[in-house]
Amino acid sequence: MSNIDREIEILTKATLLAGALLDAVTSKRESMLPKLKELEDEVKATQLEVHKNLKRLVIMTVNAAIRYCSSGKQSDAKLTRRNGNEVAKELGRLKRLAHRKEENRWP
């Protein structure tokens, strides 16, 4: 697995776990929180420049989900969803860009 694939996997996992945390029952949230914090550290360790904007969005999503878990404020849940949607848009943009580059590689 290449470094790019590994980083995308980390960013995607963190976003999906943050979203799943919103829908989980309280007892399940407590078990998911340590894994989300671990993924947060992995997200911060990503280094590729191409993922800079995506990394920022994922960190904002994860932080809002962690705050929601500790405070229960609905504004943090809304922020998690909004940032998660932005992450999905950015992942889609990067995928389309990679697909275009792949098409242009073979004349």
PDB file of N, CA and C in Angstrom:
ATOM      1  N   MET A   1       0.850  -1.176   0.000  1.00  0.00           N
ATOM      2  CA  MET A   1       0.000   0.000   0.000  1.00  0.00           C
ATOM      3  C   MET A   1       0.895   1.238   0.000  1.00  0.00           C
ATOM      4  N   SER A   2       0.599   2.161  -0.898  1.00  0.00           N
ATOM      5  CA  SER A   2       1.416   3.360  -0.992  1.00  0.00           C
ATOM      6  C   SER A   2       1.083   4.324   0.141  1.00  0.00           C
ATOM      7  N   ASN A   3       1.944   5.284   0.314  1.00  0.00           N
ATOM      8  CA  ASN A   3       1.765   6.283   1.358  1.00  0.00           C
ATOM      9  C   ASN A   3       0.491   7.099   1.120  1.00  0.00           C
ATOM     10  N   ILE A   4       0.204   7.392  -0.141  1.00  0.00           N
ATOM     11  CA  ILE A   4      -1.003   8.148  -0.480  1.00  0.00           C
ATOM     12  C   ILE A   4      -2.246   7.358  -0.096  1.00  0.00           C
ATOM     13  N   ASP A   5      -2.279   6.083  -0.448  1.00  0.00           N
ATOM     14  CA  ASP A   5      -3.425   5.237  -0.105  1.00  0.00           C
ATOM     15  C   ASP A   5      -3.599   5.127   1.404  1.00  0.00           C
ATOM     16  N   ARG A   6      -2.499   5.019   2.119  1.00  0.00           N
ATOM     17  CA  ARG A   6      -2.536   4.907   3.583  1.00  0.00           C
ATOM     18  C   ARG A   6      -3.130   6.173   4.203  1.00  0.00           C
ATOM     19  N   GLU A   7      -2.697   7.337   3.711  1.00  0.00           N
ATOM     20  CA  GLU A   7      -3.218   8.589   4.252  1.00  0.00           C
ATOM     21  C   GLU A   7      -4.703   8.752   3.958  1.00  0.00           C
ATOM     22  N   ILE A   8      -5.116   8.419   2.742  1.00  0.00           N
ATOM     23  CA  ILE A   8      -6.536   8.509   2.396  1.00  0.00           C
ATOM     24  C   ILE A   8      -7.354   7.579   3.290  1.00  0.00           C
ATOM     25  N   GLU A   9      -6.824   6.398   3.557  1.00  0.00           N
ATOM     26  CA  GLU A   9      -7.515   5.444   4.427  1.00  0.00           C
ATOM     27  C   GLU A   9      -7.675   6.009   5.836  1.00  0.00           C
ATOM     28  N   ILE A  10      -6.639   6.622   6.369  1.00  0.00           N
ATOM     29  CA  ILE A  10      -6.689   7.209   7.710  1.00  0.00           C
ATOM     30  C   ILE A  10      -7.712   8.344   7.757  1.00  0.00           C
ATOM     31  N   LEU A  11      -7.662   9.228   6.776  1.00  0.00           N
ATOM     32  CA  LEU A  11      -8.583  10.365   6.739  1.00  0.00           C
ATOM     33  C   LEU A  11     -10.030   9.906   6.590  1.00  0.00           C
ATOM     34  N   THR A  12     -10.247   8.887   5.770  1.00  0.00           N
ATOM     35  CA  THR A  12     -11.595   8.363   5.563  1.00  0.00           C
ATOM     36  C   THR A  12     -12.113   7.678   6.823  1.00  0.00           C
ATOM     37  N   LYS A  13     -11.276   6.851   7.452  1.00  0.00           N
ATOM     38  CA  LYS A  13     -11.686   6.155   8.678  1.00  0.00           C
ATOM     39  C   LYS A  13     -12.071   7.140   9.772  1.00  0.00           C
ATOM     40  N   ALA A  14     -11.262   8.178   9.931  1.00  0.00           N
ATOM     41  CA  ALA A  14     -11.526   9.167  10.980  1.00  0.00           C
ATOM     42  C   ALA A  14     -12.861   9.864  10.746  1.00  0.00           C
ATOM     43  N   THR A  15     -13.132  10.217   9.494  1.00  0.00           N
ATOM     44  CA  THR A  15     -14.385  10.891   9.174  1.00  0.00           C
ATOM     45  C   THR A  15     -15.580   9.965   9.390  1.00  0.00           C
ATOM     46  N   LEU A  16     -15.460   8.728   8.951  1.00  0.00           N
ATOM     47  CA  LEU A  16     -16.563   7.778   9.121  1.00  0.00           C
ATOM     48  C   LEU A  16     -16.832   7.483  10.596  1.00  0.00           C
ATOM     49  N   LEU A  17     -15.776   7.347  11.383  1.00  0.00           N
ATOM     50  CA  LEU A  17     -15.954   7.082  12.807  1.00  0.00           C
ATOM     51  C   LEU A  17     -16.592   8.284  13.503  1.00  0.00           C
ATOM     52  N   ALA A  18     -16.203   9.489  13.104  1.00  0.00           N
ATOM     53  CA  ALA A  18     -16.814  10.692  13.686  1.00  0.00           C
ATOM     54  C   ALA A  18     -18.311  10.722  13.378  1.00  0.00           C
ATOM     55  N   GLY A  19     -18.676  10.381  12.153  1.00  0.00           N
ATOM     56  CA  GLY A  19     -20.089  10.335  11.784  1.00  0.00           C
ATOM     57  C   GLY A  19     -20.840   9.243  12.513  1.00  0.00           C
ATOM     58  N   ALA A  20     -20.219   8.089  12.669  1.00  0.00           N
ATOM     59  CA  ALA A  20     -20.866   6.976  13.378  1.00  0.00           C
ATOM     60  C   ALA A  20     -21.062   7.307  14.850  1.00  0.00           C
ATOM     61  N   LEU A  21     -20.154   8.085  15.408  1.00  0.00           N
ATOM     62  CA  LEU A  21     -20.244   8.466  16.814  1.00  0.00           C
ATOM     63  C   LEU A  21     -21.513   9.282  17.072  1.00  0.00           C
ATOM     64  N   LEU A  22     -21.932  10.074  16.086  1.00  0.00           N
ATOM     65  CA  LEU A  22     -23.131  10.898  16.256  1.00  0.00           C
ATOM     66  C   LEU A  22     -24.383  10.052  16.434  1.00  0.00           C
ATOM     67  N   ASP A  23     -24.445   8.921  15.748  1.00  0.00           N
ATOM     68  CA  ASP A  23     -25.634   8.078  15.778  1.00  0.00           C
ATOM     69  C   ASP A  23     -25.583   6.980  16.836  1.00  0.00           C
ATOM     70  N   ALA A  24     -24.458   6.837  17.493  1.00  0.00           N
ATOM     71  CA  ALA A  24     -24.294   5.755  18.464  1.00  0.00           C
ATOM     72  C   ALA A  24     -24.984   6.099  19.786  1.00  0.00           C
ATOM     73  N   VAL A  25     -25.394   5.054  20.481  1.00  0.00           N
ATOM     74  CA  VAL A  25     -25.956   5.243  21.817  1.00  0.00           C
ATOM     75  C   VAL A  25     -24.822   5.609  22.775  1.00  0.00           C
ATOM     76  N   THR A  26     -25.179   6.150  23.923  1.00  0.00           N
ATOM     77  CA  THR A  26     -24.185   6.679  24.857  1.00  0.00           C
ATOM     78  C   THR A  26     -23.138   5.646  25.252  1.00  0.00           C
ATOM     79  N   SER A  27     -23.542   4.431  25.537  1.00  0.00           N
ATOM     80  CA  SER A  27     -22.573   3.411  25.955  1.00  0.00           C
ATOM     81  C   SER A  27     -21.598   3.078  24.828  1.00  0.00           C
ATOM     82  N   LYS A  28     -22.086   3.070  23.611  1.00  0.00           N
ATOM     83  CA  LYS A  28     -21.240   2.777  22.455  1.00  0.00           C
ATOM     84  C   LYS A  28     -20.282   3.941  22.186  1.00  0.00           C
ATOM     85  N   ARG A  29     -20.745   5.179  22.425  1.00  0.00           N
ATOM     86  CA  ARG A  29     -19.885   6.361  22.228  1.00  0.00           C
ATOM     87  C   ARG A  29     -18.634   6.279  23.081  1.00  0.00           C
ATOM     88  N   GLU A  30     -18.822   5.845  24.318  1.00  0.00           N
ATOM     89  CA  GLU A  30     -17.688   5.770  25.234  1.00  0.00           C
ATOM     90  C   GLU A  30     -16.624   4.794  24.742  1.00  0.00           C
ATOM     91  N   SER A  31     -17.040   3.740  24.075  1.00  0.00           N
ATOM     92  CA  SER A  31     -16.065   2.777  23.563  1.00  0.00           C
ATOM     93  C   SER A  31     -15.432   3.259  22.247  1.00  0.00           C
ATOM     94  N   MET A  32     -16.146   4.122  21.515  1.00  0.00           N
ATOM     95  CA  MET A  32     -15.634   4.629  20.245  1.00  0.00           C
ATOM     96  C   MET A  32     -14.679   5.808  20.432  1.00  0.00           C
ATOM     97  N   LEU A  33     -14.832   6.530  21.514  1.00  0.00           N
ATOM     98  CA  LEU A  33     -14.056   7.743  21.738  1.00  0.00           C
ATOM     99  C   LEU A  33     -12.539   7.514  21.749  1.00  0.00           C
ATOM    100  N   PRO A  34     -12.011   6.496  22.444  1.00  0.00           N
ATOM    101  CA  PRO A  34     -10.556   6.286  22.414  1.00  0.00           C
ATOM    102  C   PRO A  34     -10.028   6.006  20.999  1.00  0.00           C
ATOM    103  N   LYS A  35     -10.780   5.248  20.211  1.00  0.00           N
ATOM    104  CA  LYS A  35     -10.364   4.955  18.838  1.00  0.00           C
ATOM    105  C   LYS A  35     -10.354   6.231  18.003  1.00  0.00           C
ATOM    106  N   LEU A  36     -11.345   7.107  18.218  1.00  0.00           N
ATOM    107  CA  LEU A  36     -11.398   8.363  17.477  1.00  0.00           C
ATOM    108  C   LEU A  36     -10.227   9.261  17.854  1.00  0.00           C
ATOM    109  N   LYS A  37      -9.882   9.289  19.129  1.00  0.00           N
ATOM    110  CA  LYS A  37      -8.724  10.095  19.560  1.00  0.00           C
ATOM    111  C   LYS A  37      -7.426   9.540  18.982  1.00  0.00           C
ATOM    112  N   GLU A  38      -7.331   8.214  18.888  1.00  0.00           N
ATOM    113  CA  GLU A  38      -6.158   7.583  18.275  1.00  0.00           C
ATOM    114  C   GLU A  38      -6.063   7.959  16.794  1.00  0.00           C
ATOM    115  N   LEU A  39      -7.196   7.915  16.114  1.00  0.00           N
ATOM    116  CA  LEU A  39      -7.222   8.299  14.698  1.00  0.00           C
ATOM    117  C   LEU A  39      -6.902   9.784  14.520  1.00  0.00           C
ATOM    118  N   GLU A  40      -7.303  10.599  15.486  1.00  0.00           N
ATOM    119  CA  GLU A  40      -6.991  12.029  15.421  1.00  0.00           C
ATOM    120  C   GLU A  40      -5.479  12.238  15.384  1.00  0.00           C
ATOM    121  N   ASP A  41      -4.753  11.484  16.204  1.00  0.00           N
ATOM    122  CA  ASP A  41      -3.293  11.573  16.205  1.00  0.00           C
ATOM    123  C   ASP A  41      -2.707  11.125  14.870  1.00  0.00           C
ATOM    124  N   GLU A  42      -3.285  10.071  14.286  1.00  0.00           N
ATOM    125  CA  GLU A  42      -2.815   9.591  12.991  1.00  0.00           C
ATOM    126  C   GLU A  42      -3.098  10.620  11.896  1.00  0.00           C
ATOM    127  N   VAL A  43      -4.244  11.285  11.980  1.00  0.00           N
ATOM    128  CA  VAL A  43      -4.583  12.315  10.990  1.00  0.00           C
ATOM    129  C   VAL A  43      -3.571  13.450  11.074  1.00  0.00           C
ATOM    130  N   LYS A  44      -3.244  13.866  12.274  1.00  0.00           N
ATOM    131  CA  LYS A  44      -2.281  14.959  12.450  1.00  0.00           C
ATOM    132  C   LYS A  44      -0.895  14.572  11.946  1.00  0.00           C
ATOM    133  N   ALA A  45      -0.609  13.282  11.884  1.00  0.00           N
ATOM    134  CA  ALA A  45       0.704  12.815  11.432  1.00  0.00           C
ATOM    135  C   ALA A  45       0.795  12.697   9.907  1.00  0.00           C
ATOM    136  N   THR A  46      -0.325  12.834   9.191  1.00  0.00           N
ATOM    137  CA  THR A  46      -0.263  12.758   7.729  1.00  0.00           C
ATOM    138  C   THR A  46       0.558  13.921   7.208  1.00  0.00           C
ATOM    139  N   GLN A  47       1.328  13.671   6.142  1.00  0.00           N
ATOM    140  CA  GLN A  47       2.308  14.662   5.724  1.00  0.00           C
ATOM    141  C   GLN A  47       2.219  15.101   4.276  1.00  0.00           C
ATOM    142  N   LEU A  48       1.491  14.404   3.441  1.00  0.00           N
ATOM    143  CA  LEU A  48       1.472  14.761   2.034  1.00  0.00           C
ATOM    144  C   LEU A  48       0.776  16.098   1.813  1.00  0.00           C
ATOM    145  N   GLU A  49       1.391  16.963   1.039  1.00  0.00           N
ATOM    146  CA  GLU A  49       0.886  18.300   0.793  1.00  0.00           C
ATOM    147  C   GLU A  49      -0.460  18.295   0.065  1.00  0.00           C
ATOM    148  N   VAL A  50      -0.675  17.290  -0.785  1.00  0.00           N
ATOM    149  CA  VAL A  50      -1.914  17.231  -1.558  1.00  0.00           C
ATOM    150  C   VAL A  50      -3.138  17.065  -0.659  1.00  0.00           C
ATOM    151  N   HIS A  51      -2.948  16.541   0.539  1.00  0.00           N
ATOM    152  CA  HIS A  51      -4.059  16.295   1.461  1.00  0.00           C
ATOM    153  C   HIS A  51      -4.203  17.387   2.512  1.00  0.00           C
ATOM    154  N   LYS A  52      -3.539  18.514   2.329  1.00  0.00           N
ATOM    155  CA  LYS A  52      -3.514  19.581   3.333  1.00  0.00           C
ATOM    156  C   LYS A  52      -4.924  20.077   3.677  1.00  0.00           C
ATOM    157  N   ASN A  53      -5.726  20.435   2.681  1.00  0.00           N
ATOM    158  CA  ASN A  53      -7.087  20.926   2.932  1.00  0.00           C
ATOM    159  C   ASN A  53      -7.961  19.822   3.506  1.00  0.00           C
ATOM    160  N   LEU A  54      -7.823  18.635   2.985  1.00  0.00           N
ATOM    161  CA  LEU A  54      -8.593  17.494   3.473  1.00  0.00           C
ATOM    162  C   LEU A  54      -8.250  17.202   4.931  1.00  0.00           C
ATOM    163  N   LYS A  55      -6.990  17.253   5.256  1.00  0.00           N
ATOM    164  CA  LYS A  55      -6.534  17.011   6.628  1.00  0.00           C
ATOM    165  C   LYS A  55      -7.164  18.030   7.581  1.00  0.00           C
ATOM    166  N   ARG A  56      -7.196  19.290   7.193  1.00  0.00           N
ATOM    167  CA  ARG A  56      -7.781  20.339   8.021  1.00  0.00           C
ATOM    168  C   ARG A  56      -9.267  20.063   8.270  1.00  0.00           C
ATOM    169  N   LEU A  57      -9.974  19.683   7.219  1.00  0.00           N
ATOM    170  CA  LEU A  57     -11.403  19.386   7.359  1.00  0.00           C
ATOM    171  C   LEU A  57     -11.657  18.173   8.249  1.00  0.00           C
ATOM    172  N   VAL A  58     -10.828  17.146   8.102  1.00  0.00           N
ATOM    173  CA  VAL A  58     -10.982  15.940   8.925  1.00  0.00           C
ATOM    174  C   VAL A  58     -10.718  16.259  10.385  1.00  0.00           C
ATOM    175  N   ILE A  59      -9.695  17.041  10.661  1.00  0.00           N
ATOM    176  CA  ILE A  59      -9.394  17.408  12.049  1.00  0.00           C
ATOM    177  C   ILE A  59     -10.551  18.196  12.658  1.00  0.00           C
ATOM    178  N   MET A  60     -11.136  19.107  11.886  1.00  0.00           N
ATOM    179  CA  MET A  60     -12.282  19.868  12.387  1.00  0.00           C
ATOM    180  C   MET A  60     -13.467  18.946  12.646  1.00  0.00           C
ATOM    181  N   THR A  61     -13.672  17.971  11.778  1.00  0.00           N
ATOM    182  CA  THR A  61     -14.764  17.012  11.946  1.00  0.00           C
ATOM    183  C   THR A  61     -14.567  16.171  13.200  1.00  0.00           C
ATOM    184  N   VAL A  62     -13.374  15.640  13.363  1.00  0.00           N
ATOM    185  CA  VAL A  62     -13.066  14.786  14.515  1.00  0.00           C
ATOM    186  C   VAL A  62     -13.165  15.585  15.815  1.00  0.00           C
ATOM    187  N   ASN A  63     -12.635  16.793  15.827  1.00  0.00           N
ATOM    188  CA  ASN A  63     -12.702  17.610  17.041  1.00  0.00           C
ATOM    189  C   ASN A  63     -14.145  17.927  17.432  1.00  0.00           C
ATOM    190  N   ALA A  64     -14.977  18.243  16.445  1.00  0.00           N
ATOM    191  CA  ALA A  64     -16.388  18.521  16.738  1.00  0.00           C
ATOM    192  C   ALA A  64     -17.083  17.274  17.276  1.00  0.00           C
ATOM    193  N   ALA A  65     -16.761  16.101  16.738  1.00  0.00           N
ATOM    194  CA  ALA A  65     -17.361  14.858  17.221  1.00  0.00           C
ATOM    195  C   ALA A  65     -16.927  14.559  18.652  1.00  0.00           C
ATOM    196  N   ILE A  66     -15.676  14.809  18.955  1.00  0.00           N
ATOM    197  CA  ILE A  66     -15.183  14.593  20.324  1.00  0.00           C
ATOM    198  C   ILE A  66     -15.870  15.555  21.293  1.00  0.00           C
ATOM    199  N   ARG A  67     -16.006  16.815  20.879  1.00  0.00           N
ATOM    200  CA  ARG A  67     -16.706  17.781  21.731  1.00  0.00           C
ATOM    201  C   ARG A  67     -18.163  17.373  21.933  1.00  0.00           C
ATOM    202  N   TYR A  68     -18.806  16.887  20.874  1.00  0.00           N
ATOM    203  CA  TYR A  68     -20.196  16.437  20.993  1.00  0.00           C
ATOM    204  C   TYR A  68     -20.298  15.285  21.987  1.00  0.00           C
ATOM    205  N   CYS A  69     -19.355  14.385  21.945  1.00  0.00           N
ATOM    206  CA  CYS A  69     -19.376  13.229  22.842  1.00  0.00           C
ATOM    207  C   CYS A  69     -19.232  13.672  24.302  1.00  0.00           C
ATOM    208  N   SER A  70     -18.415  14.693  24.538  1.00  0.00           N
ATOM    209  CA  SER A  70     -18.205  15.128  25.913  1.00  0.00           C
ATOM    210  C   SER A  70     -19.281  16.104  26.398  1.00  0.00           C
ATOM    211  N   SER A  71     -19.798  16.956  25.507  1.00  0.00           N
ATOM    212  CA  SER A  71     -20.756  17.968  25.942  1.00  0.00           C
ATOM    213  C   SER A  71     -22.199  17.642  25.580  1.00  0.00           C
ATOM    214  N   GLY A  72     -22.402  16.908  24.486  1.00  0.00           N
ATOM    215  CA  GLY A  72     -23.749  16.579  24.039  1.00  0.00           C
ATOM    216  C   GLY A  72     -24.466  17.725  23.348  1.00  0.00           C
ATOM    217  N   LYS A  73     -23.740  18.803  23.035  1.00  0.00           N
ATOM    218  CA  LYS A  73     -24.365  19.959  22.387  1.00  0.00           C
ATOM    219  C   LYS A  73     -24.682  19.644  20.924  1.00  0.00           C
ATOM    220  N   GLN A  74     -25.889  19.967  20.516  1.00  0.00           N
ATOM    221  CA  GLN A  74     -26.320  19.702  19.149  1.00  0.00           C
ATOM    222  C   GLN A  74     -25.550  20.542  18.130  1.00  0.00           C
ATOM    223  N   SER A  75     -25.050  21.698  18.555  1.00  0.00           N
ATOM    224  CA  SER A  75     -24.278  22.523  17.621  1.00  0.00           C
ATOM    225  C   SER A  75     -22.999  21.802  17.184  1.00  0.00           C
ATOM    226  N   ASP A  76     -22.408  21.026  18.088  1.00  0.00           N
ATOM    227  CA  ASP A  76     -21.224  20.248  17.728  1.00  0.00           C
ATOM    228  C   ASP A  76     -21.593  19.111  16.780  1.00  0.00           C
ATOM    229  N   ALA A  77     -22.777  18.529  16.958  1.00  0.00           N
ATOM    230  CA  ALA A  77     -23.236  17.481  16.043  1.00  0.00           C
ATOM    231  C   ALA A  77     -23.448  18.058  14.643  1.00  0.00           C
ATOM    232  N   LYS A  78     -24.065  19.236  14.571  1.00  0.00           N
ATOM    233  CA  LYS A  78     -24.275  19.885  13.275  1.00  0.00           C
ATOM    234  C   LYS A  78     -22.949  20.219  12.612  1.00  0.00           C
ATOM    235  N   LEU A  79     -22.011  20.700  13.397  1.00  0.00           N
ATOM    236  CA  LEU A  79     -20.687  21.028  12.866  1.00  0.00           C
ATOM    237  C   LEU A  79     -19.980  19.779  12.351  1.00  0.00           C
ATOM    238  N   THR A  80     -20.119  18.675  13.062  1.00  0.00           N
ATOM    239  CA  THR A  80     -19.527  17.412  12.617  1.00  0.00           C
ATOM    240  C   THR A  80     -20.111  16.995  11.282  1.00  0.00           C
ATOM    241  N   ARG A  81     -21.427  17.084  11.154  1.00  0.00           N
ATOM    242  CA  ARG A  81     -22.079  16.712   9.891  1.00  0.00           C
ATOM    243  C   ARG A  81     -21.652  17.629   8.748  1.00  0.00           C
ATOM    244  N   ARG A  82     -21.643  18.929   9.010  1.00  0.00           N
ATOM    245  CA  ARG A  82     -21.275  19.893   7.977  1.00  0.00           C
ATOM    246  C   ARG A  82     -19.833  19.664   7.507  1.00  0.00           C
ATOM    247  N   ASN A  83     -18.923  19.508   8.457  1.00  0.00           N
ATOM    248  CA  ASN A  83     -17.528  19.266   8.095  1.00  0.00           C
ATOM    249  C   ASN A  83     -17.361  17.915   7.402  1.00  0.00           C
ATOM    250  N   GLY A  84     -18.125  16.920   7.840  1.00  0.00           N
ATOM    251  CA  GLY A  84     -18.086  15.611   7.196  1.00  0.00           C
ATOM    252  C   GLY A  84     -18.522  15.686   5.745  1.00  0.00           C
ATOM    253  N   ASN A  85     -19.534  16.506   5.470  1.00  0.00           N
ATOM    254  CA  ASN A  85     -19.971  16.704   4.087  1.00  0.00           C
ATOM    255  C   ASN A  85     -18.883  17.381   3.257  1.00  0.00           C
ATOM    256  N   GLU A  86     -18.180  18.325   3.860  1.00  0.00           N
ATOM    257  CA  GLU A  86     -17.074  18.993   3.157  1.00  0.00           C
ATOM    258  C   GLU A  86     -15.940  18.007   2.874  1.00  0.00           C
ATOM    259  N   VAL A  87     -15.688  17.102   3.810  1.00  0.00           N
ATOM    260  CA  VAL A  87     -14.665  16.066   3.594  1.00  0.00           C
ATOM    261  C   VAL A  87     -15.057  15.193   2.411  1.00  0.00           C
ATOM    262  N   ALA A  88     -16.321  14.809   2.354  1.00  0.00           N
ATOM    263  CA  ALA A  88     -16.798  13.973   1.250  1.00  0.00           C
ATOM    264  C   ALA A  88     -16.630  14.694  -0.086  1.00  0.00           C
ATOM    265  N   LYS A  89     -16.935  15.987  -0.125  1.00  0.00           N
ATOM    266  CA  LYS A  89     -16.748  16.761  -1.360  1.00  0.00           C
ATOM    267  C   LYS A  89     -15.280  16.799  -1.771  1.00  0.00           C
ATOM    268  N   GLU A  90     -14.411  17.016  -0.802  1.00  0.00           N
ATOM    269  CA  GLU A  90     -12.981  17.097  -1.095  1.00  0.00           C
ATOM    270  C   GLU A  90     -12.435  15.751  -1.563  1.00  0.00           C
ATOM    271  N   LEU A  91     -12.884  14.662  -0.930  1.00  0.00           N
ATOM    272  CA  LEU A  91     -12.466  13.326  -1.376  1.00  0.00           C
ATOM    273  C   LEU A  91     -12.933  13.069  -2.808  1.00  0.00           C
ATOM    274  N   GLY A  92     -14.145  13.477  -3.113  1.00  0.00           N
ATOM    275  CA  GLY A  92     -14.662  13.329  -4.469  1.00  0.00           C
ATOM    276  C   GLY A  92     -13.860  14.130  -5.469  1.00  0.00           C
ATOM    277  N   ARG A  93     -13.490  15.350  -5.088  1.00  0.00           N
ATOM    278  CA  ARG A  93     -12.688  16.201  -5.964  1.00  0.00           C
ATOM    279  C   ARG A  93     -11.326  15.567  -6.239  1.00  0.00           C
ATOM    280  N   LEU A  94     -10.688  15.059  -5.189  1.00  0.00           N
ATOM    281  CA  LEU A  94      -9.380  14.424  -5.356  1.00  0.00           C
ATOM    282  C   LEU A  94      -9.478  13.163  -6.218  1.00  0.00           C
ATOM    283  N   LYS A  95     -10.567  12.425  -6.051  1.00  0.00           N
ATOM    284  CA  LYS A  95     -10.764  11.211  -6.847  1.00  0.00           C
ATOM    285  C   LYS A  95     -10.938  11.560  -8.322  1.00  0.00           C
ATOM    286  N   ARG A  96     -11.742  12.593  -8.601  1.00  0.00           N
ATOM    287  CA  ARG A  96     -11.927  13.014  -9.998  1.00  0.00           C
ATOM    288  C   ARG A  96     -10.625  13.513 -10.597  1.00  0.00           C
ATOM    289  N   LEU A  97      -9.855  14.251  -9.815  1.00  0.00           N
ATOM    290  CA  LEU A  97      -8.570  14.758 -10.288  1.00  0.00           C
ATOM    291  C   LEU A  97      -7.618  13.613 -10.611  1.00  0.00           C
ATOM    292  N   ALA A  98      -7.565  12.623  -9.736  1.00  0.00           N
ATOM    293  CA  ALA A  98      -6.698  11.462  -9.976  1.00  0.00           C
ATOM    294  C   ALA A  98      -7.161  10.698 -11.207  1.00  0.00           C
ATOM    295  N   HIS A  99      -8.466  10.584 -11.382  1.00  0.00           N
ATOM    296  CA  HIS A  99      -9.008   9.875 -12.542  1.00  0.00           C
ATOM    297  C   HIS A  99      -8.645  10.609 -13.831  1.00  0.00           C
ATOM    298  N   ARG A 100      -8.742  11.939 -13.820  1.00  0.00           N
ATOM    299  CA  ARG A 100      -8.375  12.724 -15.009  1.00  0.00           C
ATOM    300  C   ARG A 100      -6.897  12.574 -15.340  1.00  0.00           C
ATOM    301  N   LYS A 101      -6.068  12.598 -14.313  1.00  0.00           N
ATOM    302  CA  LYS A 101      -4.626  12.436 -14.548  1.00  0.00           C
ATOM    303  C   LYS A 101      -4.328  11.055 -15.115  1.00  0.00           C
ATOM    304  N   GLU A 102      -5.044  10.052 -14.626  1.00  0.00           N
ATOM    305  CA  GLU A 102      -4.857   8.687 -15.113  1.00  0.00           C
ATOM    306  C   GLU A 102      -5.290   8.584 -16.569  1.00  0.00           C
ATOM    307  N   GLU A 103      -6.379   9.236 -16.955  1.00  0.00           N
ATOM    308  CA  GLU A 103      -6.840   9.221 -18.339  1.00  0.00           C
ATOM    309  C   GLU A 103      -5.847   9.910 -19.259  1.00  0.00           C
ATOM    310  N   ASN A 104      -5.239  10.985 -18.799  1.00  0.00           N
ATOM    311  CA  ASN A 104      -4.293  11.729 -19.618  1.00  0.00           C
ATOM    312  C   ASN A 104      -2.945  11.040 -19.731  1.00  0.00           C
ATOM    313  N   ARG A 105      -2.695  10.104 -18.865  1.00  0.00           N
ATOM    314  CA  ARG A 105      -1.416   9.383 -18.907  1.00  0.00           C
ATOM    315  C   ARG A 105      -1.315   8.502 -20.141  1.00  0.00           C
ATOM    316  N   TRP A 106      -2.414   7.911 -20.550  1.00  0.00           N
ATOM    317  CA  TRP A 106      -2.414   6.991 -21.696  1.00  0.00           C
ATOM    318  C   TRP A 106      -3.067   7.680 -22.893  1.00  0.00           C
ATOM    319  N   PRO A 107      -2.284   8.046 -23.890  1.00  0.00           N
ATOM    320  CA  PRO A 107      -2.857   8.748 -25.052  1.00  0.00           C
ATOM    321  C   PRO A 107      -3.710   7.858 -25.924  1.00  0.00           C
TER     322      PRO A 107
END
